[in-house]
C-alpha atoms as a PDB file:
ATOM      1  CA  MET A   1       0.223  -0.324  -0.221  1.00  0.00           C
ATOM      2  CA  LYS A   2       1.578   3.439  -1.019  1.00  0.00           C
ATOM      3  CA  LYS A   3       2.172   5.684   2.041  1.00  0.00           C
ATOM      4  CA  MET A   4       0.501   9.324   1.650  1.00  0.00           C
ATOM      5  CA  ILE A   5       2.357  12.449   2.884  1.00  0.00           C
ATOM      6  CA  PHE A   6       0.316  15.150   3.397  1.00  0.00           C
ATOM      7  CA  ALA A   7       2.132  18.233   4.776  1.00  0.00           C
ATOM      8  CA  ALA A   8       0.800  21.601   6.046  1.00  0.00           C
ATOM      9  CA  CYS A   9       4.136  24.263   6.581  1.00  0.00           C
ATOM     10  CA  PRO A  10       7.450  22.931   8.322  1.00  0.00           C
ATOM     11  CA  ALA A  11      10.286  25.079   8.490  1.00  0.00           C
ATOM     12  CA  ILE A  12      11.669  25.859   5.254  1.00  0.00           C
ATOM     13  CA  ALA A  13      15.424  24.452   4.589  1.00  0.00           C
ATOM     14  CA  LEU A  14      17.212  23.957   1.384  1.00  0.00           C
ATOM     15  CA  ALA A  15      20.430  22.481   2.686  1.00  0.00           C
ATOM     16  CA  GLY A  16      23.093  20.725  -0.004  1.00  0.00           C
ATOM     17  CA  PRO A  17      22.267  17.430  -1.519  1.00  0.00           C
ATOM     18  CA  THR A  18      22.594  14.381   0.209  1.00  0.00           C
ATOM     19  CA  GLN A  19      21.974  10.652  -1.109  1.00  0.00           C
ATOM     20  CA  ALA A  20      18.820   9.061  -0.161  1.00  0.00           C
ATOM     21  CA  GLN A  21      19.304   5.432   1.141  1.00  0.00           C
ATOM     22  CA  ASP A  22      17.104   3.061  -0.453  1.00  0.00           C
ATOM     23  CA  GLY A  23      14.416   6.161  -1.115  1.00  0.00           C
ATOM     24  CA  PRO A  24      11.858   6.296  -3.628  1.00  0.00           C
ATOM     25  CA  ASP A  25      12.246   6.657  -7.227  1.00  0.00           C
ATOM     26  CA  SER A  26      10.128   9.654  -7.310  1.00  0.00           C
ATOM     27  CA  LEU A  27       8.410  11.750  -5.195  1.00  0.00           C
ATOM     28  CA  VAL A  28       4.782  12.475  -7.005  1.00  0.00           C
ATOM     29  CA  THR A  29       3.819  15.822  -5.601  1.00  0.00           C
ATOM     30  CA  ILE A  30      -0.025  16.897  -6.038  1.00  0.00           C
ATOM     31  CA  LEU A  31      -0.578  20.931  -5.221  1.00  0.00           C
ATOM     32  CA  THR A  32      -3.738  22.111  -5.249  1.00  0.00           C
ATOM     33  CA  ALA A  33      -3.129  24.639  -2.201  1.00  0.00           C
ATOM     34  CA  PRO A  34      -4.067  27.752  -3.106  1.00  0.00           C
ATOM     35  CA  GLU A  35      -1.826  29.486  -0.280  1.00  0.00           C
ATOM     36  CA  PRO A  36       1.678  31.105  -1.531  1.00  0.00           C
ATOM     37  CA  GLN A  37       3.220  29.557   1.889  1.00  0.00           C
ATOM     38  CA  THR A  38       2.165  26.005   1.533  1.00  0.00           C
ATOM     39  CA  GLN A  39       2.561  26.660  -2.327  1.00  0.00           C
ATOM     40  CA  LEU A  40       6.345  27.408  -1.956  1.00  0.00           C
ATOM     41  CA  MET A  41       6.717  24.533   1.232  1.00  0.00           C
ATOM     42  CA  ALA A  42       5.633  21.849  -1.479  1.00  0.00           C
ATOM     43  CA  MET A  43       8.290  23.096  -3.962  1.00  0.00           C
ATOM     44  CA  VAL A  44      10.953  23.151  -1.215  1.00  0.00           C
ATOM     45  CA  LEU A  45      10.128  19.535  -0.335  1.00  0.00           C
ATOM     46  CA  ALA A  46      10.375  18.301  -3.897  1.00  0.00           C
ATOM     47  CA  VAL A  47      13.475  19.989  -4.169  1.00  0.00           C
ATOM     48  CA  GLN A  48      14.626  18.268  -1.192  1.00  0.00           C
ATOM     49  CA  ALA A  49      13.530  15.141  -2.617  1.00  0.00           C
ATOM     50  CA  ALA A  50      15.640  15.553  -5.653  1.00  0.00           C
ATOM     51  CA  GLN A  51      18.627  16.338  -3.792  1.00  0.00           C
ATOM     52  CA  GLN A  52      18.156  12.864  -2.223  1.00  0.00           C
ATOM     53  CA  GLY A  53      17.304  10.827  -5.221  1.00  0.00           C
ATOM     54  CA  ALA A  54      14.030  11.542  -5.669  1.00  0.00           C
ATOM     55  CA  ALA A  55      12.599  12.516  -9.279  1.00  0.00           C
ATOM     56  CA  PRO A  56      10.282  15.337  -8.782  1.00  0.00           C
ATOM     57  CA  HIS A  57       6.976  14.996 -10.079  1.00  0.00           C
ATOM     58  CA  VAL A  58       5.030  17.790  -9.837  1.00  0.00           C
ATOM     59  CA  MET A  59       1.260  17.886 -10.832  1.00  0.00           C
ATOM     60  CA  LEU A  60      -0.639  21.491 -10.095  1.00  0.00           C
ATOM     61  CA  CYS A  61      -4.398  21.844 -10.103  1.00  0.00           C
ATOM     62  CA  GLY A  62      -7.022  24.522  -9.036  1.00  0.00           C
ATOM     63  CA  PRO A  63      -5.923  27.597  -7.720  1.00  0.00           C
ATOM     64  CA  ALA A  64      -2.226  26.119  -7.542  1.00  0.00           C
ATOM     65  CA  GLY A  65      -2.231  25.550 -11.119  1.00  0.00           C
ATOM     66  CA  ASP A  66      -1.469  29.359 -11.629  1.00  0.00           C
ATOM     67  CA  ILE A  67       2.235  29.150 -10.452  1.00  0.00           C
ATOM     68  CA  ALA A  68       2.841  27.490 -13.753  1.00  0.00           C
ATOM     69  CA  LEU A  69       1.398  30.268 -15.730  1.00  0.00           C
ATOM     70  CA  LYS A  70       3.757  32.711 -17.773  1.00  0.00           C
ATOM     71  CA  ASP A  71       1.814  35.089 -16.151  1.00  0.00           C
ATOM     72  CA  ALA A  72       1.527  34.184 -12.705  1.00  0.00           C
ATOM     73  CA  PRO A  73      -0.256  36.405 -10.150  1.00  0.00           C
ATOM     74  CA  GLU A  74       1.893  37.980  -7.729  1.00  0.00           C
ATOM     75  CA  SER A  75       0.835  35.551  -5.043  1.00  0.00           C
ATOM     76  CA  ALA A  76       3.162  33.049  -7.067  1.00  0.00           C
ATOM     77  CA  THR A  77       5.746  35.772  -7.960  1.00  0.00           C
ATOM     78  CA  ALA A  78       6.410  37.815  -4.657  1.00  0.00           C
ATOM     79  CA  PRO A  79       9.045  36.673  -2.513  1.00  0.00           C
ATOM     80  CA  GLN A  80       7.986  34.576   1.105  1.00  0.00           C
ATOM     81  CA  PRO A  81      10.050  34.635   3.916  1.00  0.00           C
ATOM     82  CA  PRO A  82      12.466  33.419   5.464  1.00  0.00           C
ATOM     83  CA  ARG A  83      14.567  33.624   2.032  1.00  0.00           C
ATOM     84  CA  ASP A  84      13.006  35.379  -0.078  1.00  0.00           C
ATOM     85  CA  MET A  85      12.071  32.801  -2.719  1.00  0.00           C
ATOM     86  CA  SER A  86       8.712  32.448  -4.273  1.00  0.00           C
ATOM     87  CA  PRO A  87       6.659  29.630  -5.137  1.00  0.00           C
ATOM     88  CA  LYS A  88       6.975  30.213  -8.963  1.00  0.00           C
ATOM     89  CA  GLY A  89      10.537  30.723  -8.869  1.00  0.00           C
ATOM     90  CA  LEU A  90      11.196  27.219  -6.883  1.00  0.00           C
ATOM     91  CA  LEU A  91       8.802  25.669  -9.895  1.00  0.00           C
ATOM     92  CA  SER A  92      11.434  26.742 -12.327  1.00  0.00           C
ATOM     93  CA  LYS A  93      14.142  25.404 -10.597  1.00  0.00           C
ATOM     94  CA  ILE A  94      12.096  22.287 -10.405  1.00  0.00           C
ATOM     95  CA  VAL A  95      11.291  22.224 -14.226  1.00  0.00           C
ATOM     96  CA  GLY A  96      14.923  22.667 -14.875  1.00  0.00           C
ATOM     97  CA  MET A  97      16.258  19.428 -13.164  1.00  0.00           C
ATOM     98  CA  PRO A  98      16.632  16.400 -14.957  1.00  0.00           C
ATOM     99  CA  GLY A  99      14.136  13.983 -14.948  1.00  0.00           C
ATOM    100  CA  ALA A 100      11.914  16.321 -13.352  1.00  0.00           C
ATOM    101  CA  LYS A 101       8.203  16.441 -14.497  1.00  0.00           C
ATOM    102  CA  VAL A 102       6.151  19.246 -14.096  1.00  0.00           C
ATOM    103  CA  GLU A 103       2.431  19.396 -15.132  1.00  0.00           C
ATOM    104  CA  VAL A 104      -1.093  20.825 -14.688  1.00  0.00           C
ATOM    105  CA  CYS A 105      -3.967  18.445 -14.212  1.00  0.00           C
ATOM    106  CA  ALA A 106      -5.849  17.920 -17.540  1.00  0.00           C
ATOM    107  CA  ILE A 107      -9.108  19.976 -16.319  1.00  0.00           C
ATOM    108  CA  TYR A 108      -6.906  23.152 -15.416  1.00  0.00           C
ATOM    109  CA  LEU A 109      -7.066  24.523 -18.645  1.00  0.00           C
ATOM    110  CA  PRO A 110     -10.082  24.202 -20.029  1.00  0.00           C
ATOM    111  CA  GLY A 111     -11.423  25.388 -16.570  1.00  0.00           C
ATOM    112  CA  LYS A 112      -9.550  28.464 -17.323  1.00  0.00           C
ATOM    113  CA  GLY A 113     -10.759  28.606 -21.122  1.00  0.00           C
ATOM    114  CA  ALA A 114      -7.249  28.862 -22.218  1.00  0.00           C
ATOM    115  CA  GLN A 115      -4.889  26.996 -23.909  1.00  0.00           C
ATOM    116  CA  ALA A 116      -0.827  25.177 -23.174  1.00  0.00           C
ATOM    117  CA  ASP A 117       0.676  28.765 -24.620  1.00  0.00           C
ATOM    118  CA  VAL A 118      -0.455  30.200 -21.622  1.00  0.00           C
ATOM    119  CA  LEU A 119       1.809  27.798 -19.343  1.00  0.00           C
ATOM    120  CA  MET A 120       5.563  28.560 -18.683  1.00  0.00           C
ATOM    121  CA  ASP A 121       8.256  26.637 -20.899  1.00  0.00           C
ATOM    122  CA  GLY A 122       8.480  23.040 -19.306  1.00  0.00           C
ATOM    123  CA  VAL A 123       5.420  22.711 -18.151  1.00  0.00           C
ATOM    124  CA  THR A 124       2.556  20.332 -20.094  1.00  0.00           C
ATOM    125  CA  VAL A 125      -0.677  19.119 -19.577  1.00  0.00           C
ATOM    126  CA  ALA A 126      -0.773  16.129 -17.151  1.00  0.00           C
ATOM    127  CA  LYS A 127      -2.169  12.682 -19.168  1.00  0.00           C
ATOM    128  CA  PRO A 128      -5.025  11.221 -16.452  1.00  0.00           C
ATOM    129  CA  ASP A 129      -3.353   7.412 -17.260  1.00  0.00           C
ATOM    130  CA  ALA A 130      -0.065   8.451 -17.167  1.00  0.00           C
ATOM    131  CA  MET A 131      -0.743  10.329 -13.840  1.00  0.00           C
ATOM    132  CA  ALA A 132      -2.390   7.405 -12.400  1.00  0.00           C
ATOM    133  CA  ALA A 133       1.106   5.354 -13.026  1.00  0.00           C
ATOM    134  CA  ALA A 134       3.205   7.580 -11.701  1.00  0.00           C
ATOM    135  CA  MET A 135       0.834   7.260  -8.426  1.00  0.00           C
ATOM    136  CA  ILE A 136       1.100   3.918  -8.297  1.00  0.00           C
ATOM    137  CA  ALA A 137       4.385   2.822  -8.883  1.00  0.00           C
ATOM    138  CA  PRO A 138       5.825   0.442  -6.896  1.00  0.00           C
ATOM    139  CA  ASN A 139       8.925   2.986  -5.715  1.00  0.00           C
ATOM    140  CA  ALA A 140       7.000   6.115  -5.661  1.00  0.00           C
ATOM    141  CA  LYS A 141       5.942   8.430  -2.887  1.00  0.00           C
ATOM    142  CA  ILE A 142       3.113  10.711  -3.075  1.00  0.00           C
ATOM    143  CA  ALA A 143       2.872  14.186  -1.347  1.00  0.00           C
ATOM    144  CA  SER A 144      -0.532  16.335  -1.257  1.00  0.00           C
ATOM    145  CA  TYR A 145      -1.214  19.512  -0.233  1.00  0.00           C
END
């Protein structure tokens, strides 16, 4: 049975890379929360997991999808304490990581009445069958915010 991680907002720490021992192959992060602090913490933990050897796979849905927009709202771009990082800034870092996958949920763009060209480079639209496969992969962990 998969373990799900539900997180609120622990202290932010961006330490240097470490290596996971028998850790998961991937961390599937499902982010729907509208709060910038929660969005940022989800990105912090995805980066930390990547630094420990787990490939980050992020799916943004609902209000969280807005951080993947080329023209993201201020809530996604405003620096957050204590390190003046923003959800979109850290998402951009994840997009550039080898093996990372960042997607918006399949219903996000139709719900906004928009096309994929509104998304920042490197962000695609999730295919439900592929996302489900990523979630049930034998050595994947899921974090949902």
